[in-house]
mmCIF file of all heavy atoms, coordinates in Angstrom:
data_MODEL
# 
_entry.id   MODEL 
# 
loop_
_atom_site.group_PDB 
_atom_site.id 
_atom_site.type_symbol 
_atom_site.label_atom_id 
_atom_site.label_alt_id 
_atom_site.label_comp_id 
_atom_site.label_asym_id 
_atom_site.label_entity_id 
_atom_site.label_seq_id 
_atom_site.pdbx_PDB_ins_code 
_atom_site.Cartn_x 
_atom_site.Cartn_y 
_atom_site.Cartn_z 
_atom_site.occupancy 
_atom_site.B_iso_or_equiv 
_atom_site.pdbx_formal_charge 
_atom_site.auth_seq_id 
_atom_site.auth_comp_id 
_atom_site.auth_asym_id 
_atom_site.auth_atom_id 
_atom_site.pdbx_PDB_model_num 
ATOM 1   N N   . PRO A 1 1  ? 107.738 104.625 95.522  1.00 0.00 ? 1  PRO A N   1 
ATOM 2   C CA  . PRO A 1 1  ? 108.933 104.771 94.680  1.00 0.00 ? 1  PRO A CA  1 
ATOM 3   C C   . PRO A 1 1  ? 110.160 105.076 95.543  1.00 0.00 ? 1  PRO A C   1 
ATOM 4   O O   . PRO A 1 1  ? 110.073 105.859 96.492  1.00 0.00 ? 1  PRO A O   1 
ATOM 5   C CB  . PRO A 1 1  ? 108.591 105.940 93.756  1.00 0.00 ? 1  PRO A CB  1 
ATOM 6   C CG  . PRO A 1 1  ? 107.419 106.617 94.343  1.00 0.00 ? 1  PRO A CG  1 
ATOM 7   C CD  . PRO A 1 1  ? 106.765 105.674 95.292  1.00 0.00 ? 1  PRO A CD  1 
ATOM 8   N N   . TRP A 1 2  ? 111.261 104.437 95.219  1.00 0.00 ? 2  TRP A N   1 
ATOM 9   C CA  . TRP A 1 2  ? 112.500 104.589 95.989  1.00 0.00 ? 2  TRP A CA  1 
ATOM 10  C C   . TRP A 1 2  ? 113.658 104.678 95.013  1.00 0.00 ? 2  TRP A C   1 
ATOM 11  O O   . TRP A 1 2  ? 113.664 104.000 93.978  1.00 0.00 ? 2  TRP A O   1 
ATOM 12  C CB  . TRP A 1 2  ? 112.658 103.385 96.917  1.00 0.00 ? 2  TRP A CB  1 
ATOM 13  C CG  . TRP A 1 2  ? 113.891 103.397 97.737  1.00 0.00 ? 2  TRP A CG  1 
ATOM 14  C CD1 . TRP A 1 2  ? 114.053 103.982 98.964  1.00 0.00 ? 2  TRP A CD1 1 
ATOM 15  C CD2 . TRP A 1 2  ? 115.149 102.775 97.432  1.00 0.00 ? 2  TRP A CD2 1 
ATOM 16  N NE1 . TRP A 1 2  ? 115.324 103.774 99.426  1.00 0.00 ? 2  TRP A NE1 1 
ATOM 17  C CE2 . TRP A 1 2  ? 116.024 103.040 98.497  1.00 0.00 ? 2  TRP A CE2 1 
ATOM 18  C CE3 . TRP A 1 2  ? 115.622 102.049 96.348  1.00 0.00 ? 2  TRP A CE3 1 
ATOM 19  C CZ2 . TRP A 1 2  ? 117.327 102.588 98.516  1.00 0.00 ? 2  TRP A CZ2 1 
ATOM 20  C CZ3 . TRP A 1 2  ? 116.928 101.597 96.364  1.00 0.00 ? 2  TRP A CZ3 1 
ATOM 21  C CH2 . TRP A 1 2  ? 117.763 101.867 97.443  1.00 0.00 ? 2  TRP A CH2 1 
ATOM 22  N N   . ARG A 1 3  ? 114.640 105.499 95.350  1.00 0.00 ? 3  ARG A N   1 
ATOM 23  C CA  . ARG A 1 3  ? 115.825 105.655 94.509  1.00 0.00 ? 3  ARG A CA  1 
ATOM 24  C C   . ARG A 1 3  ? 117.086 105.312 95.306  1.00 0.00 ? 3  ARG A C   1 
ATOM 25  O O   . ARG A 1 3  ? 117.093 105.394 96.528  1.00 0.00 ? 3  ARG A O   1 
ATOM 26  C CB  . ARG A 1 3  ? 115.893 107.086 93.970  1.00 0.00 ? 3  ARG A CB  1 
ATOM 27  C CG  . ARG A 1 3  ? 114.770 107.367 92.992  1.00 0.00 ? 3  ARG A CG  1 
ATOM 28  C CD  . ARG A 1 3  ? 114.543 108.849 92.766  1.00 0.00 ? 3  ARG A CD  1 
ATOM 29  N NE  . ARG A 1 3  ? 113.347 109.051 91.966  1.00 0.00 ? 3  ARG A NE  1 
ATOM 30  C CZ  . ARG A 1 3  ? 112.109 109.118 92.469  1.00 0.00 ? 3  ARG A CZ  1 
ATOM 31  N NH1 . ARG A 1 3  ? 111.901 109.001 93.765  1.00 0.00 ? 3  ARG A NH1 1 
ATOM 32  N NH2 . ARG A 1 3  ? 111.079 109.293 91.673  1.00 0.00 ? 3  ARG A NH2 1 
ATOM 33  N N   . PHE A 1 4  ? 118.136 104.969 94.597  1.00 0.00 ? 4  PHE A N   1 
ATOM 34  C CA  . PHE A 1 4  ? 119.391 104.591 95.241  1.00 0.00 ? 4  PHE A CA  1 
ATOM 35  C C   . PHE A 1 4  ? 119.888 105.649 96.223  1.00 0.00 ? 4  PHE A C   1 
ATOM 36  O O   . PHE A 1 4  ? 120.543 105.326 97.199  1.00 0.00 ? 4  PHE A O   1 
ATOM 37  C CB  . PHE A 1 4  ? 120.479 104.324 94.199  1.00 0.00 ? 4  PHE A CB  1 
ATOM 38  C CG  . PHE A 1 4  ? 120.248 103.099 93.370  1.00 0.00 ? 4  PHE A CG  1 
ATOM 39  C CD1 . PHE A 1 4  ? 119.999 103.200 92.016  1.00 0.00 ? 4  PHE A CD1 1 
ATOM 40  C CD2 . PHE A 1 4  ? 120.281 101.838 93.944  1.00 0.00 ? 4  PHE A CD2 1 
ATOM 41  C CE1 . PHE A 1 4  ? 119.791 102.074 91.244  1.00 0.00 ? 4  PHE A CE1 1 
ATOM 42  C CE2 . PHE A 1 4  ? 120.060 100.705 93.191  1.00 0.00 ? 4  PHE A CE2 1 
ATOM 43  C CZ  . PHE A 1 4  ? 119.814 100.818 91.839  1.00 0.00 ? 4  PHE A CZ  1 
ATOM 44  N N   . THR A 1 5  ? 119.589 106.903 95.959  1.00 0.00 ? 5  THR A N   1 
ATOM 45  C CA  . THR A 1 5  ? 120.063 107.998 96.810  1.00 0.00 ? 5  THR A CA  1 
ATOM 46  C C   . THR A 1 5  ? 119.191 108.205 98.050  1.00 0.00 ? 5  THR A C   1 
ATOM 47  O O   . THR A 1 5  ? 119.500 109.066 98.868  1.00 0.00 ? 5  THR A O   1 
ATOM 48  C CB  . THR A 1 5  ? 120.097 109.310 96.011  1.00 0.00 ? 5  THR A CB  1 
ATOM 49  O OG1 . THR A 1 5  ? 118.788 109.591 95.511  1.00 0.00 ? 5  THR A OG1 1 
ATOM 50  C CG2 . THR A 1 5  ? 121.090 109.221 94.867  1.00 0.00 ? 5  THR A CG2 1 
ATOM 51  N N   . GLU A 1 6  ? 118.141 107.417 98.210  1.00 0.00 ? 6  GLU A N   1 
ATOM 52  C CA  . GLU A 1 6  ? 117.201 107.600 99.311  1.00 0.00 ? 6  GLU A CA  1 
ATOM 53  C C   . GLU A 1 6  ? 117.323 106.504 100.365 1.00 0.00 ? 6  GLU A C   1 
ATOM 54  O O   . GLU A 1 6  ? 116.330 106.042 100.922 1.00 0.00 ? 6  GLU A O   1 
ATOM 55  C CB  . GLU A 1 6  ? 115.766 107.651 98.767  1.00 0.00 ? 6  GLU A CB  1 
ATOM 56  C CG  . GLU A 1 6  ? 115.544 108.771 97.792  1.00 0.00 ? 6  GLU A CG  1 
ATOM 57  C CD  . GLU A 1 6  ? 114.192 108.727 97.106  1.00 0.00 ? 6  GLU A CD  1 
ATOM 58  O OE1 . GLU A 1 6  ? 113.547 107.654 97.080  1.00 0.00 ? 6  GLU A OE1 1 
ATOM 59  O OE2 . GLU A 1 6  ? 113.788 109.776 96.597  1.00 0.00 ? 6  GLU A OE2 1 
ATOM 60  N N   . LYS A 1 7  ? 118.534 106.115 100.664 1.00 0.00 ? 7  LYS A N   1 
ATOM 61  C CA  . LYS A 1 7  ? 118.760 105.018 101.612 1.00 0.00 ? 7  LYS A CA  1 
ATOM 62  C C   . LYS A 1 7  ? 118.138 105.288 102.984 1.00 0.00 ? 7  LYS A C   1 
ATOM 63  O O   . LYS A 1 7  ? 117.712 104.371 103.672 1.00 0.00 ? 7  LYS A O   1 
ATOM 64  C CB  . LYS A 1 7  ? 120.243 104.722 101.725 1.00 0.00 ? 7  LYS A CB  1 
ATOM 65  C CG  . LYS A 1 7  ? 120.816 104.260 100.398 1.00 0.00 ? 7  LYS A CG  1 
ATOM 66  C CD  . LYS A 1 7  ? 121.941 103.306 100.557 1.00 0.00 ? 7  LYS A CD  1 
ATOM 67  C CE  . LYS A 1 7  ? 122.581 102.978 99.242  1.00 0.00 ? 7  LYS A CE  1 
ATOM 68  N NZ  . LYS A 1 7  ? 121.927 101.970 98.484  1.00 0.00 ? 7  LYS A NZ  1 
ATOM 69  N N   . GLU A 1 8  ? 118.079 106.558 103.373 1.00 0.00 ? 8  GLU A N   1 
ATOM 70  C CA  . GLU A 1 8  ? 117.503 106.887 104.684 1.00 0.00 ? 8  GLU A CA  1 
ATOM 71  C C   . GLU A 1 8  ? 116.023 106.523 104.759 1.00 0.00 ? 8  GLU A C   1 
ATOM 72  O O   . GLU A 1 8  ? 115.502 106.243 105.839 1.00 0.00 ? 8  GLU A O   1 
ATOM 73  C CB  . GLU A 1 8  ? 117.706 108.369 105.022 1.00 0.00 ? 8  GLU A CB  1 
ATOM 74  C CG  . GLU A 1 8  ? 116.871 109.348 104.199 1.00 0.00 ? 8  GLU A CG  1 
ATOM 75  C CD  . GLU A 1 8  ? 117.348 109.595 102.766 1.00 0.00 ? 8  GLU A CD  1 
ATOM 76  O OE1 . GLU A 1 8  ? 118.470 109.211 102.397 1.00 0.00 ? 8  GLU A OE1 1 
ATOM 77  O OE2 . GLU A 1 8  ? 116.555 110.169 101.993 1.00 0.00 ? 8  GLU A OE2 1 
ATOM 78  N N   . ALA A 1 9  ? 115.345 106.468 103.616 1.00 0.00 ? 9  ALA A N   1 
ATOM 79  C CA  . ALA A 1 9  ? 113.914 106.153 103.603 1.00 0.00 ? 9  ALA A CA  1 
ATOM 80  C C   . ALA A 1 9  ? 113.631 104.719 104.044 1.00 0.00 ? 9  ALA A C   1 
ATOM 81  O O   . ALA A 1 9  ? 112.548 104.429 104.541 1.00 0.00 ? 9  ALA A O   1 
ATOM 82  C CB  . ALA A 1 9  ? 113.330 106.398 102.217 1.00 0.00 ? 9  ALA A CB  1 
ATOM 83  N N   . ILE A 1 10 ? 114.602 103.824 103.858 1.00 0.00 ? 10 ILE A N   1 
ATOM 84  C CA  . ILE A 1 10 ? 114.417 102.430 104.274 1.00 0.00 ? 10 ILE A CA  1 
ATOM 85  C C   . ILE A 1 10 ? 115.434 102.012 105.342 1.00 0.00 ? 10 ILE A C   1 
ATOM 86  O O   . ILE A 1 10 ? 115.574 100.833 105.639 1.00 0.00 ? 10 ILE A O   1 
ATOM 87  C CB  . ILE A 1 10 ? 114.450 101.468 103.074 1.00 0.00 ? 10 ILE A CB  1 
ATOM 88  C CG1 . ILE A 1 10 ? 115.782 101.550 102.328 1.00 0.00 ? 10 ILE A CG1 1 
ATOM 89  C CG2 . ILE A 1 10 ? 113.275 101.708 102.148 1.00 0.00 ? 10 ILE A CG2 1 
ATOM 90  C CD1 . ILE A 1 10 ? 115.958 100.477 101.270 1.00 0.00 ? 10 ILE A CD1 1 
ATOM 91  N N   . ALA A 1 11 ? 116.123 102.981 105.917 1.00 0.00 ? 11 ALA A N   1 
ATOM 92  C CA  . ALA A 1 11 ? 117.134 102.679 106.933 1.00 0.00 ? 11 ALA A CA  1 
ATOM 93  C C   . ALA A 1 11 ? 116.543 101.915 108.117 1.00 0.00 ? 11 ALA A C   1 
ATOM 94  O O   . ALA A 1 11 ? 117.224 101.097 108.739 1.00 0.00 ? 11 ALA A O   1 
ATOM 95  C CB  . ALA A 1 11 ? 117.801 103.969 107.409 1.00 0.00 ? 11 ALA A CB  1 
ATOM 96  N N   . PHE A 1 12 ? 115.272 102.152 108.421 1.00 0.00 ? 12 PHE A N   1 
ATOM 97  C CA  . PHE A 1 12 ? 114.627 101.471 109.544 1.00 0.00 ? 12 PHE A CA  1 
ATOM 98  C C   . PHE A 1 12 ? 114.651 99.954  109.389 1.00 0.00 ? 12 PHE A C   1 
ATOM 99  O O   . PHE A 1 12 ? 114.575 99.218  110.360 1.00 0.00 ? 12 PHE A O   1 
ATOM 100 C CB  . PHE A 1 12 ? 113.181 101.955 109.705 1.00 0.00 ? 12 PHE A CB  1 
ATOM 101 C CG  . PHE A 1 12 ? 112.281 101.575 108.565 1.00 0.00 ? 12 PHE A CG  1 
ATOM 102 C CD1 . PHE A 1 12 ? 111.570 100.386 108.594 1.00 0.00 ? 12 PHE A CD1 1 
ATOM 103 C CD2 . PHE A 1 12 ? 112.148 102.400 107.463 1.00 0.00 ? 12 PHE A CD2 1 
ATOM 104 C CE1 . PHE A 1 12 ? 110.745 100.030 107.532 1.00 0.00 ? 12 PHE A CE1 1 
ATOM 105 C CE2 . PHE A 1 12 ? 111.322 102.065 106.404 1.00 0.00 ? 12 PHE A CE2 1 
ATOM 106 C CZ  . PHE A 1 12 ? 110.614 100.873 106.437 1.00 0.00 ? 12 PHE A CZ  1 
ATOM 107 N N   . SER A 1 13 ? 114.799 99.478  108.152 1.00 0.00 ? 13 SER A N   1 
ATOM 108 C CA  . SER A 1 13 ? 114.783 98.039  107.892 1.00 0.00 ? 13 SER A CA  1 
ATOM 109 C C   . SER A 1 13 ? 116.158 97.389  108.036 1.00 0.00 ? 13 SER A C   1 
ATOM 110 O O   . SER A 1 13 ? 116.257 96.168  108.007 1.00 0.00 ? 13 SER A O   1 
ATOM 111 C CB  . SER A 1 13 ? 114.270 97.785  106.472 1.00 0.00 ? 13 SER A CB  1 
ATOM 112 O OG  . SER A 1 13 ? 115.241 98.186  105.518 1.00 0.00 ? 13 SER A OG  1 
ATOM 113 N N   . GLY A 1 14 ? 117.193 98.222  108.147 1.00 0.00 ? 14 GLY A N   1 
ATOM 114 C CA  . GLY A 1 14 ? 118.543 97.679  108.183 1.00 0.00 ? 14 GLY A CA  1 
ATOM 115 C C   . GLY A 1 14 ? 119.046 97.319  106.797 1.00 0.00 ? 14 GLY A C   1 
ATOM 116 O O   . GLY A 1 14 ? 120.096 96.699  106.656 1.00 0.00 ? 14 GLY A O   1 
ATOM 117 N N   . GLN A 1 15 ? 118.291 97.692  105.766 1.00 0.00 ? 15 GLN A N   1 
ATOM 118 C CA  . GLN A 1 15 ? 118.630 97.380  104.386 1.00 0.00 ? 15 GLN A CA  1 
ATOM 119 C C   . GLN A 1 15 ? 118.944 98.652  103.621 1.00 0.00 ? 15 GLN A C   1 
ATOM 120 O O   . GLN A 1 15 ? 118.438 99.712  103.942 1.00 0.00 ? 15 GLN A O   1 
ATOM 121 C CB  . GLN A 1 15 ? 117.446 96.693  103.689 1.00 0.00 ? 15 GLN A CB  1 
ATOM 122 C CG  . GLN A 1 15 ? 117.231 95.292  104.130 1.00 0.00 ? 15 GLN A CG  1 
ATOM 123 C CD  . GLN A 1 15 ? 118.408 94.413  103.751 1.00 0.00 ? 15 GLN A CD  1 
ATOM 124 O OE1 . GLN A 1 15 ? 118.785 94.318  102.586 1.00 0.00 ? 15 GLN A OE1 1 
ATOM 125 N NE2 . GLN A 1 15 ? 118.992 93.772  104.721 1.00 0.00 ? 15 GLN A NE2 1 
ATOM 126 N N   . GLY A 1 16 ? 119.731 98.509  102.591 1.00 0.00 ? 16 GLY A N   1 
ATOM 127 C CA  . GLY A 1 16 ? 120.007 99.621  101.706 1.00 0.00 ? 16 GLY A CA  1 
ATOM 128 C C   . GLY A 1 16 ? 119.551 99.321  100.291 1.00 0.00 ? 16 GLY A C   1 
ATOM 129 O O   . GLY A 1 16 ? 119.977 99.965  99.347  1.00 0.00 ? 16 GLY A O   1 
ATOM 130 N N   . ARG A 1 17 ? 118.696 98.286  100.158 1.00 0.00 ? 17 ARG A N   1 
ATOM 131 C CA  . ARG A 1 17 ? 118.255 97.847  98.833  1.00 0.00 ? 17 ARG A CA  1 
ATOM 132 C C   . ARG A 1 17 ? 116.764 97.527  98.854  1.00 0.00 ? 17 ARG A C   1 
ATOM 133 O O   . ARG A 1 17 ? 116.186 97.297  99.910  1.00 0.00 ? 17 ARG A O   1 
ATOM 134 C CB  . ARG A 1 17 ? 118.989 96.570  98.415  1.00 0.00 ? 17 ARG A CB  1 
ATOM 135 C CG  . ARG A 1 17 ? 120.481 96.708  98.339  1.00 0.00 ? 17 ARG A CG  1 
ATOM 136 C CD  . ARG A 1 17 ? 121.107 95.410  97.946  1.00 0.00 ? 17 ARG A CD  1 
ATOM 137 N NE  . ARG A 1 17 ? 121.085 94.504  99.094  1.00 0.00 ? 17 ARG A NE  1 
ATOM 138 C CZ  . ARG A 1 17 ? 121.535 93.267  99.061  1.00 0.00 ? 17 ARG A CZ  1 
ATOM 139 N NH1 . ARG A 1 17 ? 122.010 92.784  97.963  1.00 0.00 ? 17 ARG A NH1 1 
ATOM 140 N NH2 . ARG A 1 17 ? 121.507 92.518  100.137 1.00 0.00 ? 17 ARG A NH2 1 
ATOM 141 N N   . VAL A 1 18 ? 116.218 97.471  97.669  1.00 0.00 ? 18 VAL A N   1 
ATOM 142 C CA  . VAL A 1 18 ? 114.840 97.029  97.500  1.00 0.00 ? 18 VAL A CA  1 
ATOM 143 C C   . VAL A 1 18 ? 114.844 95.826  96.568  1.00 0.00 ? 18 VAL A C   1 
ATOM 144 O O   . VAL A 1 18 ? 115.852 95.605  95.889  1.00 0.00 ? 18 VAL A O   1 
ATOM 145 C CB  . VAL A 1 18 ? 113.959 98.171  96.921  1.00 0.00 ? 18 VAL A CB  1 
ATOM 146 C CG1 . VAL A 1 18 ? 113.839 99.291  97.918  1.00 0.00 ? 18 VAL A CG1 1 
ATOM 147 C CG2 . VAL A 1 18 ? 114.488 98.696  95.597  1.00 0.00 ? 18 VAL A CG2 1 
ATOM 148 N N   . PRO A 1 19 ? 113.815 95.006  96.560  1.00 0.00 ? 19 PRO A N   1 
ATOM 149 C CA  . PRO A 1 19 ? 112.511 95.226  97.134  1.00 0.00 ? 19 PRO A CA  1 
ATOM 150 C C   . PRO A 1 19 ? 112.503 94.978  98.635  1.00 0.00 ? 19 PRO A C   1 
ATOM 151 O O   . PRO A 1 19 ? 113.275 94.181  99.162  1.00 0.00 ? 19 PRO A O   1 
ATOM 152 C CB  . PRO A 1 19 ? 111.623 94.204  96.424  1.00 0.00 ? 19 PRO A CB  1 
ATOM 153 C CG  . PRO A 1 19 ? 112.548 93.069  96.105  1.00 0.00 ? 19 PRO A CG  1 
ATOM 154 C CD  . PRO A 1 19 ? 113.876 93.729  95.805  1.00 0.00 ? 19 PRO A CD  1 
ATOM 155 N N   . MET A 1 20 ? 111.598 95.682  99.262  1.00 0.00 ? 20 MET A N   1 
ATOM 156 C CA  . MET A 1 20 ? 111.338 95.511  100.673 1.00 0.00 ? 20 MET A CA  1 
ATOM 157 C C   . MET A 1 20 ? 109.862 95.771  100.897 1.00 0.00 ? 20 MET A C   1 
ATOM 158 O O   . MET A 1 20 ? 109.305 96.667  100.270 1.00 0.00 ? 20 MET A O   1 
ATOM 159 C CB  . MET A 1 20 ? 112.167 96.481  101.512 1.00 0.00 ? 20 MET A CB  1 
ATOM 160 C CG  . MET A 1 20 ? 112.146 96.072  102.949 1.00 0.00 ? 20 MET A CG  1 
ATOM 161 S SD  . MET A 1 20 ? 112.071 97.304  104.241 1.00 0.00 ? 20 MET A SD  1 
ATOM 162 C CE  . MET A 1 20 ? 111.421 98.757  103.616 1.00 0.00 ? 20 MET A CE  1 
ATOM 163 N N   . ILE A 1 21 ? 109.243 94.949  101.740 1.00 0.00 ? 21 ILE A N   1 
ATOM 164 C CA  . ILE A 1 21 ? 107.854 95.200  102.096 1.00 0.00 ? 21 ILE A CA  1 
ATOM 165 C C   . ILE A 1 21 ? 107.748 95.334  103.604 1.00 0.00 ? 21 ILE A C   1 
ATOM 166 O O   . ILE A 1 21 ? 108.598 94.831  104.355 1.00 0.00 ? 21 ILE A O   1 
ATOM 167 C CB  . ILE A 1 21 ? 106.891 94.091  101.609 1.00 0.00 ? 21 ILE A CB  1 
ATOM 168 C CG1 . ILE A 1 21 ? 107.158 92.759  102.322 1.00 0.00 ? 21 ILE A CG1 1 
ATOM 169 C CG2 . ILE A 1 21 ? 106.934 93.943  100.103 1.00 0.00 ? 21 ILE A CG2 1 
ATOM 170 C CD1 . ILE A 1 21 ? 106.060 91.720  102.137 1.00 0.00 ? 21 ILE A CD1 1 
ATOM 171 N N   . THR A 1 22 ? 106.705 96.023  104.013 1.00 0.00 ? 22 THR A N   1 
ATOM 172 C CA  . THR A 1 22 ? 106.265 95.962  105.398 1.00 0.00 ? 22 THR A CA  1 
ATOM 173 C C   . THR A 1 22 ? 104.837 95.457  105.352 1.00 0.00 ? 22 THR A C   1 
ATOM 174 O O   . THR A 1 22 ? 104.068 95.777  104.445 1.00 0.00 ? 22 THR A O   1 
ATOM 175 C CB  . THR A 1 22 ? 106.329 97.327  106.117 1.00 0.00 ? 22 THR A CB  1 
ATOM 176 O OG1 . THR A 1 22 ? 105.539 98.278  105.410 1.00 0.00 ? 22 THR A OG1 1 
ATOM 177 C CG2 . THR A 1 22 ? 107.762 97.817  106.236 1.00 0.00 ? 22 THR A CG2 1 
ATOM 178 N N   . ASP A 1 23 ? 104.518 94.631  106.312 1.00 0.00 ? 23 ASP A N   1 
ATOM 179 C CA  . ASP A 1 23 ? 103.184 94.045  106.394 1.00 0.00 ? 23 ASP A CA  1 
ATOM 180 C C   . ASP A 1 23 ? 102.829 93.895  107.857 1.00 0.00 ? 23 ASP A C   1 
ATOM 181 O O   . ASP A 1 23 ? 103.410 93.059  108.553 1.00 0.00 ? 23 ASP A O   1 
ATOM 182 C CB  . ASP A 1 23 ? 103.145 92.696  105.688 1.00 0.00 ? 23 ASP A CB  1 
ATOM 183 C CG  . ASP A 1 23 ? 101.760 92.058  105.676 1.00 0.00 ? 23 ASP A CG  1 
ATOM 184 O OD1 . ASP A 1 23 ? 100.761 92.788  105.826 1.00 0.00 ? 23 ASP A OD1 1 
ATOM 185 O OD2 . ASP A 1 23 ? 101.680 90.829  105.517 1.00 0.00 ? 23 ASP A OD2 1 
ATOM 186 N N   . GLY A 1 24 ? 101.937 94.749  108.326 1.00 0.00 ? 24 GLY A N   1 
ATOM 187 C CA  . GLY A 1 24 ? 101.519 94.666  109.721 1.00 0.00 ? 24 GLY A CA  1 
ATOM 188 C C   . GLY A 1 24 ? 102.662 94.811  110.701 1.00 0.00 ? 24 GLY A C   1 
ATOM 189 O O   . GLY A 1 24 ? 102.714 94.106  111.696 1.00 0.00 ? 24 GLY A O   1 
ATOM 190 N N   . GLY A 1 25 ? 103.609 95.677  110.401 1.00 0.00 ? 25 GLY A N   1 
ATOM 191 C CA  . GLY A 1 25 ? 104.738 95.901  111.296 1.00 0.00 ? 25 GLY A CA  1 
ATOM 192 C C   . GLY A 1 25 ? 105.940 95.003  111.042 1.00 0.00 ? 25 GLY A C   1 
ATOM 193 O O   . GLY A 1 25 ? 106.984 95.193  111.646 1.00 0.00 ? 25 GLY A O   1 
ATOM 194 N N   . ARG A 1 26 ? 105.804 94.026  110.187 1.00 0.00 ? 26 ARG A N   1 
ATOM 195 C CA  . ARG A 1 26 ? 106.931 93.139  109.860 1.00 0.00 ? 26 ARG A CA  1 
ATOM 196 C C   . ARG A 1 26 ? 107.618 93.641  108.601 1.00 0.00 ? 26 ARG A C   1 
ATOM 197 O O   . ARG A 1 26 ? 106.961 94.025  107.639 1.00 0.00 ? 26 ARG A O   1 
ATOM 198 C CB  . ARG A 1 26 ? 106.423 91.721  109.649 1.00 0.00 ? 26 ARG A CB  1 
ATOM 199 C CG  . ARG A 1 26 ? 107.553 90.763  109.398 1.00 0.00 ? 26 ARG A CG  1 
ATOM 200 C CD  . ARG A 1 26 ? 107.161 89.352  109.640 1.00 0.00 ? 26 ARG A CD  1 
ATOM 201 N NE  . ARG A 1 26 ? 108.295 88.515  109.326 1.00 0.00 ? 26 ARG A NE  1 
ATOM 202 C CZ  . ARG A 1 26 ? 108.215 87.232  109.080 1.00 0.00 ? 26 ARG A CZ  1 
ATOM 203 N NH1 . ARG A 1 26 ? 107.058 86.632  109.139 1.00 0.00 ? 26 ARG A NH1 1 
ATOM 204 N NH2 . ARG A 1 26 ? 109.289 86.547  108.795 1.00 0.00 ? 26 ARG A NH2 1 
ATOM 205 N N   . GLU A 1 27 ? 108.939 93.624  108.599 1.00 0.00 ? 27 GLU A N   1 
ATOM 206 C CA  . GLU A 1 27 ? 109.747 94.043  107.452 1.00 0.00 ? 27 GLU A CA  1 
ATOM 207 C C   . GLU A 1 27 ? 110.364 92.808  106.811 1.00 0.00 ? 27 GLU A C   1 
ATOM 208 O O   . GLU A 1 27 ? 110.932 91.967  107.499 1.00 0.00 ? 27 GLU A O   1 
ATOM 209 C CB  . GLU A 1 27 ? 110.855 94.983  107.912 1.00 0.00 ? 27 GLU A CB  1 
ATOM 210 C CG  . GLU A 1 27 ? 110.327 96.226  108.576 1.00 0.00 ? 27 GLU A CG  1 
ATOM 211 C CD  . GLU A 1 27 ? 111.301 96.803  109.591 1.00 0.00 ? 27 GLU A CD  1 
ATOM 212 O OE1 . GLU A 1 27 ? 112.455 96.352  109.672 1.00 0.00 ? 27 GLU A OE1 1 
ATOM 213 O OE2 . GLU A 1 27 ? 110.871 97.706  110.319 1.00 0.00 ? 27 GLU A OE2 1 
ATOM 214 N N   . VAL A 1 28 ? 110.222 92.706  105.497 1.00 0.00 ? 28 VAL A N   1 
ATOM 215 C CA  . VAL A 1 28 ? 110.763 91.567  104.759 1.00 0.00 ? 28 VAL A CA  1 
ATOM 216 C C   . VAL A 1 28 ? 111.448 92.104  103.513 1.00 0.00 ? 28 VAL A C   1 
ATOM 217 O O   . VAL A 1 28 ? 110.894 92.953  102.818 1.00 0.00 ? 28 VAL A O   1 
ATOM 218 C CB  . VAL A 1 28 ? 109.651 90.566  104.359 1.00 0.00 ? 28 VAL A CB  1 
ATOM 219 C CG1 . VAL A 1 28 ? 110.258 89.308  103.757 1.00 0.00 ? 28 VAL A CG1 1 
ATOM 220 C CG2 . VAL A 1 28 ? 108.749 90.224  105.532 1.00 0.00 ? 28 VAL A CG2 1 
# 
């Protein structure tokens, strides 16, 4: 679960939005 206020949780992806997946080290 991710919320708009939790941008730091997905900052590693260079994205500020979802959906986002990681699969075997790849971010999409």
